[in-house]
Amino acid sequence: MKVQRALLLPFLLSFIIACQKQRSSPSFSFSPAKGPVGALLTLNGPFGADPVVKINGVPADSIGIDNSYTKITCRIPAEATSGRITVSFGNNTLGSGEDFIVTNKWMKLTDNDGSGNIHEDGVSFVLDKKIYFGLGYSTRTGDPGYYTATFNTGFRIFDPAHNTWSAGPQLPPAMIPRTNAACFALNGKAYIGCGNDTLSDWWQYDPVLNGTAAWRKMSSNTAGTPSYFGGSGQVAFIWNNTAYAGNPGARIYQFDPAATNPWIPTDNYLSYESVYGSYFVSDNYLYIIGGFYTGISGVPKAVPVGFRYDLSDHSSFFNAAQFPAAIEGQPSFALDAIHYILFLGSTFRFDPVTQTWIDLGARGTPSFQGGGFPYNNAGLGVSNYTYNATAFDGAAYAWTSAGQVYKFVP
């Protein structure tokens, strides 16, 4: 009898495992593959009475099933995030083979970057599908006229494939820590320069190398004082696979990493003198939206004005793509050649045909009130502001100065 039980045990275990696999294996289809909150979702497969549908663990709304128990309809709930669909009925739970993607909604991926630090007025860039975020202030006290600050001397790296932060590169001893620097990535390397109102030096970072060997100081700009090319508030962008940078109200320079002096003067001038605006390149046009503008009054203030500059024929237009409100330092990103600006908890999409901004109503982050100078005498802990954003592989990412990351799929 004991021998018979011993012989039956492997068969029973195999049967139980097979049943478990059958319950968890994908045995139904669904459409569409992605959609916003409130969208109708249809599931086709063998189901049972009184099904419970969940989207990444959140119960779906308005669940209905046909008389044959083969078709379920439901609505995406407001609390849903992207993930697996499950259908439970009786003692059965079925799971989808693919994730459902919730669109037009920012979804939180991390609470912080794990360092216990913040990076206000820092810079960010993307290399090898990883986000590098660093420099800027960790603390600041005082008022806009006078303040003391603790500078960050390194970066943190966010990996969207695993939703994790890790320690990134540290600055070499010769590189001065800085805020409000200009930054761009080109051909697998990152370039950081200017900042601190007076700096005009540029540095190259190569992720293939380690330690101080990863950093190389480029020749400083020789075109004049930092007021012509340097300091804070620079516009740095990529056009036709070439990098350019310049100060608002001054000349644009073309970047050549192989040249002795990498910054070569062009015939293009940024006649718009607003600083800390949101900027992007669409087709052959450079757009600068909002920012601090002094104008005739002599008092700098945030403005909604849009400036469009034709990089191919050097013509410019004011009041192009004017934003619905005065903005300064708002995060922006491009996704599938469409440009977006984040402002006060909402996401605005740019329509180049009508030169207007469309409020998508896409919420989810604590605030998109980027930039700004929220001084206080107790120090600056700006974990509730979204300061940076970028996009690649069909999704956008925005994060706060403390490393709270959100993901958006249009």
Protein backbone atom coordinates (compact mmCIF):
# COMPACT_ATOMS: atom_id res chain seq x y z
CA MET A 1 0.00 0.00 0.00
CA LYS A 2 2.86 2.37 0.84
CA VAL A 3 4.46 1.52 -2.50
CA GLN A 4 1.25 2.37 -4.37
CA ARG A 5 1.00 5.71 -2.53
CA ALA A 6 4.63 6.48 -3.36
CA LEU A 7 3.96 5.73 -7.03
CA LEU A 8 0.81 7.86 -7.09
CA LEU A 9 2.42 10.91 -5.42
CA PRO A 10 4.39 12.13 -8.49
CA PHE A 11 1.27 11.81 -10.67
CA LEU A 12 -0.81 13.77 -8.16
CA LEU A 13 1.81 16.52 -7.97
CA SER A 14 1.97 16.72 -11.76
CA PHE A 15 -1.83 16.93 -11.94
CA ILE A 16 -1.95 19.75 -9.34
CA ILE A 17 0.80 21.74 -11.11
CA ALA A 18 -0.96 21.29 -14.45
CA CYS A 19 -4.20 22.57 -12.97
CA GLN A 20 -2.45 25.61 -11.49
CA LYS A 21 -0.80 26.39 -14.81
CA GLN A 22 -4.12 26.07 -16.57
CA ARG A 23 -5.73 28.51 -14.17
CA SER A 24 -2.95 31.12 -14.52
CA SER A 25 -2.27 30.68 -18.23
CA PRO A 26 -3.73 33.24 -20.65
CA SER A 27 -7.00 31.78 -21.89
CA PHE A 28 -8.82 34.88 -23.07
CA SER A 29 -8.19 37.81 -25.39
CA PHE A 30 -8.99 41.47 -24.86
CA SER A 31 -9.29 44.62 -26.91
CA PRO A 32 -8.24 47.33 -27.22
CA ALA A 33 -4.65 46.81 -26.05
CA LYS A 34 -4.58 50.26 -24.42
CA GLY A 35 -6.96 53.06 -23.53
CA PRO A 36 -7.73 55.87 -21.07
CA VAL A 37 -9.75 55.80 -17.87
CA GLY A 38 -13.41 55.13 -18.70
CA ALA A 39 -12.66 53.30 -21.95
CA LEU A 40 -14.72 50.23 -22.83
CA LEU A 41 -12.77 46.98 -22.60
CA THR A 42 -13.99 43.74 -24.21
CA LEU A 43 -12.77 40.27 -23.11
CA ASN A 44 -13.42 37.11 -25.13
CA GLY A 45 -13.01 33.60 -23.75
CA PRO A 46 -14.64 30.90 -21.65
CA PHE A 47 -15.83 32.52 -18.41
CA GLY A 48 -18.38 31.80 -15.71
CA ALA A 49 -21.16 33.52 -13.83
CA ASP A 50 -20.56 36.66 -11.74
CA PRO A 51 -17.03 37.41 -13.00
CA VAL A 52 -14.72 39.85 -11.23
CA VAL A 53 -12.40 41.72 -13.59
CA LYS A 54 -9.31 43.54 -12.31
CA ILE A 55 -6.83 45.79 -14.12
CA ASN A 56 -3.48 45.42 -12.37
CA GLY A 57 -5.35 44.53 -9.18
CA VAL A 58 -7.96 47.30 -9.38
CA PRO A 59 -11.60 46.18 -9.90
CA ALA A 60 -13.04 47.25 -13.25
CA ASP A 61 -16.22 49.31 -13.54
CA SER A 62 -19.55 48.40 -15.18
CA ILE A 63 -18.85 44.68 -15.64
CA GLY A 64 -21.28 42.81 -17.88
CA ILE A 65 -21.30 39.29 -19.36
CA ASP A 66 -23.36 37.71 -22.16
CA ASN A 67 -25.63 34.67 -21.74
CA SER A 68 -23.02 32.29 -23.17
CA TYR A 69 -20.39 33.42 -20.64
CA THR A 70 -17.89 34.05 -23.46
CA LYS A 71 -17.87 37.84 -23.68
CA ILE A 72 -17.28 40.36 -20.88
CA THR A 73 -17.45 44.13 -21.20
CA CYS A 74 -16.20 46.55 -18.58
CA ARG A 75 -14.80 50.07 -18.11
CA ILE A 76 -11.29 51.10 -17.05
CA PRO A 77 -11.53 52.46 -13.46
CA ALA A 78 -10.05 55.79 -12.41
CA GLU A 79 -7.54 54.13 -10.07
CA ALA A 80 -6.25 51.69 -12.69
CA THR A 81 -2.62 51.51 -13.75
CA SER A 82 -1.03 49.55 -16.55
CA GLY A 83 -0.73 45.84 -15.86
CA ARG A 84 -2.19 42.36 -16.17
CA ILE A 85 -5.93 41.72 -16.47
CA THR A 86 -7.43 38.97 -14.31
CA VAL A 87 -10.89 37.44 -14.43
CA SER A 88 -12.16 35.47 -11.42
CA PHE A 89 -15.34 33.37 -11.28
CA GLY A 90 -16.11 30.49 -8.96
CA ASN A 91 -12.78 28.91 -7.99
CA ASN A 92 -11.09 30.00 -11.23
CA THR A 93 -8.79 32.93 -11.94
CA LEU A 94 -7.66 33.59 -15.49
CA GLY A 95 -4.88 35.99 -16.41
CA SER A 96 -4.07 37.88 -19.59
CA GLY A 97 -0.89 37.09 -21.46
CA GLU A 98 -0.15 40.78 -22.08
CA ASP A 99 -0.50 43.90 -19.96
CA PHE A 100 -3.24 46.42 -20.60
CA ILE A 101 -1.75 49.92 -21.01
CA VAL A 102 -3.63 52.78 -19.35
CA THR A 103 -3.17 55.90 -21.49
CA ASN A 104 -3.47 59.66 -20.96
CA LYS A 105 -2.64 59.28 -17.29
CA TRP A 106 0.55 59.76 -15.30
CA MET A 107 1.31 56.72 -13.14
CA LYS A 108 3.75 56.79 -10.24
CA LEU A 109 6.65 54.35 -10.49
CA THR A 110 8.83 55.33 -7.51
CA ASP A 111 8.47 57.38 -4.31
CA ASN A 112 12.05 58.73 -4.31
CA ASP A 113 15.51 58.02 -5.70
CA GLY A 114 16.69 56.25 -2.55
CA SER A 115 19.43 58.77 -1.78
CA GLY A 116 17.53 60.90 0.73
CA ASN A 117 18.67 63.90 -1.31
CA ILE A 118 17.05 66.35 -3.73
CA HIS A 119 18.34 67.90 -6.96
CA GLU A 120 16.75 71.28 -7.51
CA ASP A 121 17.78 73.24 -10.63
CA GLY A 122 19.73 70.20 -11.79
CA VAL A 123 20.12 68.67 -15.24
CA SER A 124 19.07 65.42 -16.87
CA PHE A 125 19.89 63.42 -19.97
CA VAL A 126 19.20 59.97 -21.42
CA LEU A 127 21.89 57.45 -22.37
CA ASP A 128 21.22 53.81 -23.30
CA LYS A 129 17.54 54.20 -22.33
CA LYS A 130 18.45 55.25 -18.80
CA ILE A 131 17.71 58.62 -17.22
CA TYR A 132 20.59 60.48 -15.54
CA PHE A 133 19.51 63.17 -13.08
CA GLY A 134 21.79 65.25 -10.89
CA LEU A 135 23.74 68.39 -9.99
CA GLY A 136 21.79 71.42 -8.77
CA TYR A 137 21.12 72.17 -5.11
CA SER A 138 20.42 69.74 -2.30
CA THR A 139 19.57 72.54 0.14
CA ARG A 140 19.19 76.29 -0.14
CA THR A 141 18.32 78.92 2.44
CA GLY A 142 17.78 82.64 2.20
CA ASP A 143 15.90 84.81 -0.26
CA PRO A 144 16.25 85.58 -3.97
CA GLY A 145 18.70 88.41 -3.23
CA TYR A 146 21.05 86.33 -1.09
CA TYR A 147 21.16 82.67 -0.25
CA THR A 148 23.51 79.87 0.74
CA ALA A 149 23.36 76.48 -0.94
CA THR A 150 24.75 72.96 -0.81
CA PHE A 151 25.64 71.73 -4.28
CA ASN A 152 25.20 68.19 -5.53
CA THR A 153 28.32 66.68 -7.05
CA GLY A 154 26.88 63.63 -8.77
CA PHE A 155 24.03 61.90 -10.54
CA ARG A 156 21.41 59.26 -9.91
CA ILE A 157 20.32 56.85 -12.68
CA PHE A 158 16.74 55.68 -13.26
CA ASP A 159 16.21 52.47 -15.24
CA PRO A 160 12.66 52.34 -16.70
CA ALA A 161 13.06 48.65 -17.51
CA HIS A 162 13.08 47.85 -13.77
CA ASN A 163 11.70 51.09 -12.24
CA THR A 164 14.77 51.44 -10.05
CA TRP A 165 17.24 54.19 -9.13
CA SER A 166 20.96 53.56 -8.66
CA ALA A 167 24.07 55.61 -7.95
CA GLY A 168 25.46 57.39 -11.01
CA PRO A 169 28.70 59.15 -11.89
CA GLN A 170 30.36 61.70 -9.63
CA LEU A 171 31.92 64.88 -10.95
CA PRO A 172 35.70 64.95 -11.32
CA PRO A 173 37.47 67.22 -8.79
CA ALA A 174 38.27 69.80 -11.48
CA MET A 175 34.64 70.29 -12.50
CA ILE A 176 32.79 72.96 -10.53
CA PRO A 177 29.35 71.84 -9.23
CA ARG A 178 26.62 73.93 -10.79
CA THR A 179 22.96 74.79 -11.11
CA ASN A 180 20.88 75.77 -14.15
CA ALA A 181 23.45 74.26 -16.48
CA ALA A 182 22.90 73.48 -20.15
CA CYS A 183 22.92 69.83 -21.16
CA PHE A 184 22.35 67.49 -24.12
CA ALA A 185 23.17 63.93 -25.22
CA LEU A 186 24.72 63.20 -28.61
CA ASN A 187 26.16 60.00 -30.12
CA GLY A 188 26.18 58.06 -26.86
CA LYS A 189 27.81 60.79 -24.75
CA ALA A 190 26.47 63.58 -22.56
CA TYR A 191 27.64 67.19 -22.56
CA ILE A 192 27.17 69.59 -19.64
CA GLY A 193 28.23 73.20 -19.51
CA CYS A 194 27.76 76.73 -18.25
CA GLY A 195 25.48 77.42 -15.28
CA ASN A 196 25.95 79.24 -11.97
CA ASP A 197 25.31 82.56 -13.80
CA THR A 198 29.02 82.90 -14.70
CA LEU A 199 30.44 79.55 -15.89
CA SER A 200 31.24 78.99 -19.57
CA ASP A 201 33.14 75.67 -19.47
CA TRP A 202 31.81 72.44 -21.08
CA TRP A 203 32.43 68.82 -20.11
CA GLN A 204 31.92 65.51 -21.91
CA TYR A 205 30.72 62.40 -20.06
CA ASP A 206 31.34 58.96 -21.60
CA PRO A 207 29.36 56.15 -19.85
CA VAL A 208 31.71 53.49 -21.28
CA LEU A 209 34.52 54.74 -19.03
CA ASN A 210 34.70 54.75 -15.23
CA GLY A 211 35.59 57.27 -12.55
CA THR A 212 37.29 60.52 -13.51
CA ALA A 213 38.31 58.96 -16.85
CA ALA A 214 34.67 59.21 -17.93
CA TRP A 215 34.89 63.01 -17.88
CA ARG A 216 36.76 65.22 -20.35
CA LYS A 217 36.90 68.99 -20.21
CA MET A 218 36.15 70.59 -23.55
CA SER A 219 37.81 73.88 -24.45
CA SER A 220 35.95 76.77 -22.88
CA ASN A 221 34.10 79.07 -25.19
CA THR A 222 36.25 81.94 -26.46
CA ALA A 223 33.55 84.04 -28.08
CA GLY A 224 33.47 86.61 -25.31
CA THR A 225 32.18 87.05 -21.80
CA PRO A 226 29.61 84.67 -20.28
CA SER A 227 26.91 87.21 -21.12
CA TYR A 228 27.41 86.27 -24.78
CA PHE A 229 27.71 82.54 -24.31
CA GLY A 230 27.57 81.07 -20.84
CA GLY A 231 26.03 81.50 -17.45
CA SER A 232 22.50 80.28 -16.75
CA GLY A 233 19.38 80.08 -18.90
CA GLN A 234 21.04 78.75 -22.04
CA VAL A 235 19.07 77.07 -24.81
CA ALA A 236 20.73 73.81 -25.94
CA PHE A 237 19.09 71.64 -28.59
CA ILE A 238 19.66 69.05 -31.34
CA TRP A 239 18.81 69.84 -34.97
CA ASN A 240 19.70 67.58 -37.90
CA ASN A 241 21.84 65.40 -35.60
CA THR A 242 23.95 68.40 -34.60
CA ALA A 243 23.97 70.20 -31.26
CA TYR A 244 23.50 73.94 -30.86
CA ALA A 245 23.42 76.28 -27.88
CA GLY A 246 23.09 79.95 -27.17
CA ASN A 247 21.91 82.58 -24.75
CA PRO A 248 18.52 84.22 -25.40
CA GLY A 249 19.10 87.56 -27.10
CA ALA A 250 22.47 86.48 -28.50
CA ARG A 251 24.15 84.33 -31.14
CA ILE A 252 23.60 80.57 -31.58
CA TYR A 253 26.71 78.36 -31.60
CA GLN A 254 27.16 75.02 -33.36
CA PHE A 255 28.87 72.20 -31.48
CA ASP A 256 31.76 70.19 -32.96
CA PRO A 257 33.23 67.80 -30.36
CA ALA A 258 36.34 67.20 -32.50
CA ALA A 259 37.28 70.87 -32.81
CA THR A 260 39.84 72.61 -30.61
CA ASN A 261 37.15 75.12 -29.72
CA PRO A 262 34.00 72.97 -29.96
CA TRP A 263 31.59 75.93 -30.17
CA ILE A 264 31.51 77.54 -33.60
CA PRO A 265 29.58 80.84 -34.11
CA THR A 266 26.69 80.70 -36.58
CA ASP A 267 24.75 83.46 -38.33
CA ASN A 268 21.67 82.68 -36.23
CA TYR A 269 20.62 84.95 -33.38
CA LEU A 270 18.01 84.37 -30.68
CA SER A 271 16.35 87.77 -30.70
CA TYR A 272 13.89 86.67 -28.01
CA GLU A 273 15.42 87.61 -24.65
CA SER A 274 13.35 85.45 -22.34
CA VAL A 275 15.29 83.05 -20.08
CA TYR A 276 14.18 79.76 -18.53
CA GLY A 277 11.50 79.20 -21.15
CA SER A 278 10.37 75.77 -22.32
CA TYR A 279 11.96 75.06 -25.69
CA PHE A 280 11.91 72.36 -28.36
CA VAL A 281 12.64 71.82 -32.07
CA SER A 282 9.83 70.85 -34.45
CA ASP A 283 10.78 70.35 -38.11
CA ASN A 284 13.14 73.26 -38.83
CA TYR A 285 11.73 75.52 -36.13
CA LEU A 286 13.07 76.26 -32.67
CA TYR A 287 10.26 77.18 -30.26
CA ILE A 288 10.81 78.99 -26.95
CA ILE A 289 7.65 79.19 -24.86
CA GLY A 290 7.26 81.54 -21.92
CA GLY A 291 10.12 82.20 -19.52
CA PHE A 292 11.33 85.31 -17.69
CA TYR A 293 11.17 88.38 -19.92
CA THR A 294 12.34 91.86 -18.88
CA GLY A 295 10.96 93.88 -21.78
CA ILE A 296 10.39 97.62 -21.58
CA SER A 297 9.45 97.64 -17.88
CA GLY A 298 12.87 96.43 -16.80
CA VAL A 299 11.22 94.06 -14.31
CA PRO A 300 11.57 90.35 -15.19
CA LYS A 301 8.34 88.40 -15.09
CA ALA A 302 6.99 85.12 -16.42
CA VAL A 303 5.19 85.46 -19.75
CA PRO A 304 3.00 83.24 -21.98
CA VAL A 305 4.59 84.51 -25.20
CA GLY A 306 5.77 81.98 -27.75
CA PHE A 307 8.78 82.56 -30.02
CA ARG A 308 9.39 80.58 -33.22
CA TYR A 309 12.72 80.71 -35.02
CA ASP A 310 13.30 79.18 -38.46
CA LEU A 311 16.71 77.54 -38.24
CA SER A 312 16.92 77.15 -42.00
CA ASP A 313 16.32 80.75 -43.12
CA HIS A 314 16.90 82.68 -39.85
CA SER A 315 13.43 84.26 -39.72
CA SER A 316 11.59 84.60 -36.42
CA PHE A 317 8.01 85.09 -35.26
CA PHE A 318 6.70 86.33 -31.93
CA ASN A 319 3.42 85.13 -30.43
CA ALA A 320 3.78 81.78 -32.19
CA ALA A 321 2.43 78.87 -30.14
CA GLN A 322 1.55 81.23 -27.28
CA PHE A 323 0.80 79.29 -24.11
CA PRO A 324 -2.55 79.68 -22.28
CA ALA A 325 -0.80 81.07 -19.18
CA ALA A 326 2.44 82.73 -18.13
CA ILE A 327 5.02 79.99 -17.54
CA GLU A 328 8.64 79.69 -16.52
CA GLY A 329 10.80 76.58 -16.45
CA GLN A 330 8.01 74.12 -17.21
CA PRO A 331 9.06 70.54 -18.05
CA SER A 332 8.57 69.58 -21.69
CA PHE A 333 9.16 66.50 -23.83
CA ALA A 334 8.63 65.15 -27.35
CA LEU A 335 6.91 61.84 -28.00
CA ASP A 336 6.37 60.45 -31.51
CA ALA A 337 7.29 63.89 -32.90
CA ILE A 338 4.53 65.53 -30.82
CA HIS A 339 5.55 68.09 -28.20
CA TYR A 340 4.12 68.50 -24.72
CA ILE A 341 4.46 70.93 -21.81
CA LEU A 342 3.51 70.09 -18.22
CA PHE A 343 1.86 72.84 -16.24
CA LEU A 344 -0.01 72.93 -12.90
CA GLY A 345 -0.99 69.30 -12.85
CA SER A 346 -2.03 69.06 -16.50
CA THR A 347 -0.47 67.99 -19.80
CA PHE A 348 -0.64 70.26 -22.84
CA ARG A 349 -0.06 68.98 -26.38
CA PHE A 350 1.16 71.27 -29.14
CA ASP A 351 -0.67 71.39 -32.50
CA PRO A 352 1.82 72.76 -35.08
CA VAL A 353 -0.93 73.30 -37.68
CA THR A 354 -3.01 75.68 -35.56
CA GLN A 355 -0.05 76.80 -33.37
CA THR A 356 -2.14 76.14 -30.27
CA TRP A 357 -1.86 74.12 -27.06
CA ILE A 358 -4.48 71.49 -26.17
CA ASP A 359 -5.11 70.61 -22.53
CA LEU A 360 -5.29 66.80 -22.38
CA GLY A 361 -6.40 66.83 -18.76
CA ALA A 362 -3.87 64.09 -18.05
CA ARG A 363 -3.29 64.16 -14.30
CA GLY A 364 -1.46 61.91 -11.90
CA THR A 365 1.61 63.77 -10.62
CA PRO A 366 1.64 65.99 -7.52
CA SER A 367 2.29 69.14 -9.59
CA PHE A 368 3.85 70.19 -12.87
CA GLN A 369 4.81 73.59 -11.53
CA GLY A 370 8.38 73.33 -12.68
CA GLY A 371 11.09 75.92 -12.28
CA GLY A 372 10.21 78.78 -10.01
CA PHE A 373 12.07 79.84 -6.91
CA PRO A 374 10.08 78.72 -3.84
CA TYR A 375 12.50 80.11 -1.25
CA ASN A 376 11.97 79.66 2.44
CA ASN A 377 14.08 80.24 5.50
CA ALA A 378 13.90 76.62 6.60
CA GLY A 379 15.64 75.28 3.50
CA LEU A 380 14.35 73.90 0.25
CA GLY A 381 12.85 70.40 0.14
CA VAL A 382 10.97 70.48 -3.14
CA SER A 383 9.84 66.87 -3.39
CA ASN A 384 6.35 67.89 -4.50
CA TYR A 385 7.33 69.64 -7.73
CA THR A 386 7.88 68.01 -11.10
CA TYR A 387 11.01 69.55 -12.57
CA ASN A 388 12.15 67.32 -15.40
CA ALA A 389 10.66 65.20 -18.15
CA THR A 390 11.82 63.13 -21.11
CA ALA A 391 10.43 60.50 -23.48
CA PHE A 392 11.59 57.46 -25.43
CA ASP A 393 10.27 54.04 -26.52
CA GLY A 394 6.69 55.29 -26.73
CA ALA A 395 6.45 56.60 -23.16
CA ALA A 396 7.22 59.80 -21.28
CA TYR A 397 8.77 60.06 -17.83
CA ALA A 398 8.59 62.98 -15.40
CA TRP A 399 10.19 63.18 -11.99
CA THR A 400 10.45 65.44 -8.98
CA SER A 401 13.58 66.87 -7.40
CA ALA A 402 13.47 63.96 -4.90
CA GLY A 403 13.27 61.29 -7.62
CA GLN A 404 9.54 60.50 -7.54
CA VAL A 405 9.03 59.15 -11.08
CA TYR A 406 5.84 59.08 -13.17
CA LYS A 407 5.15 57.43 -16.54
CA PHE A 408 2.80 58.61 -19.28
CA VAL A 409 1.56 56.90 -22.45
CA PRO A 410 -0.55 59.06 -24.78
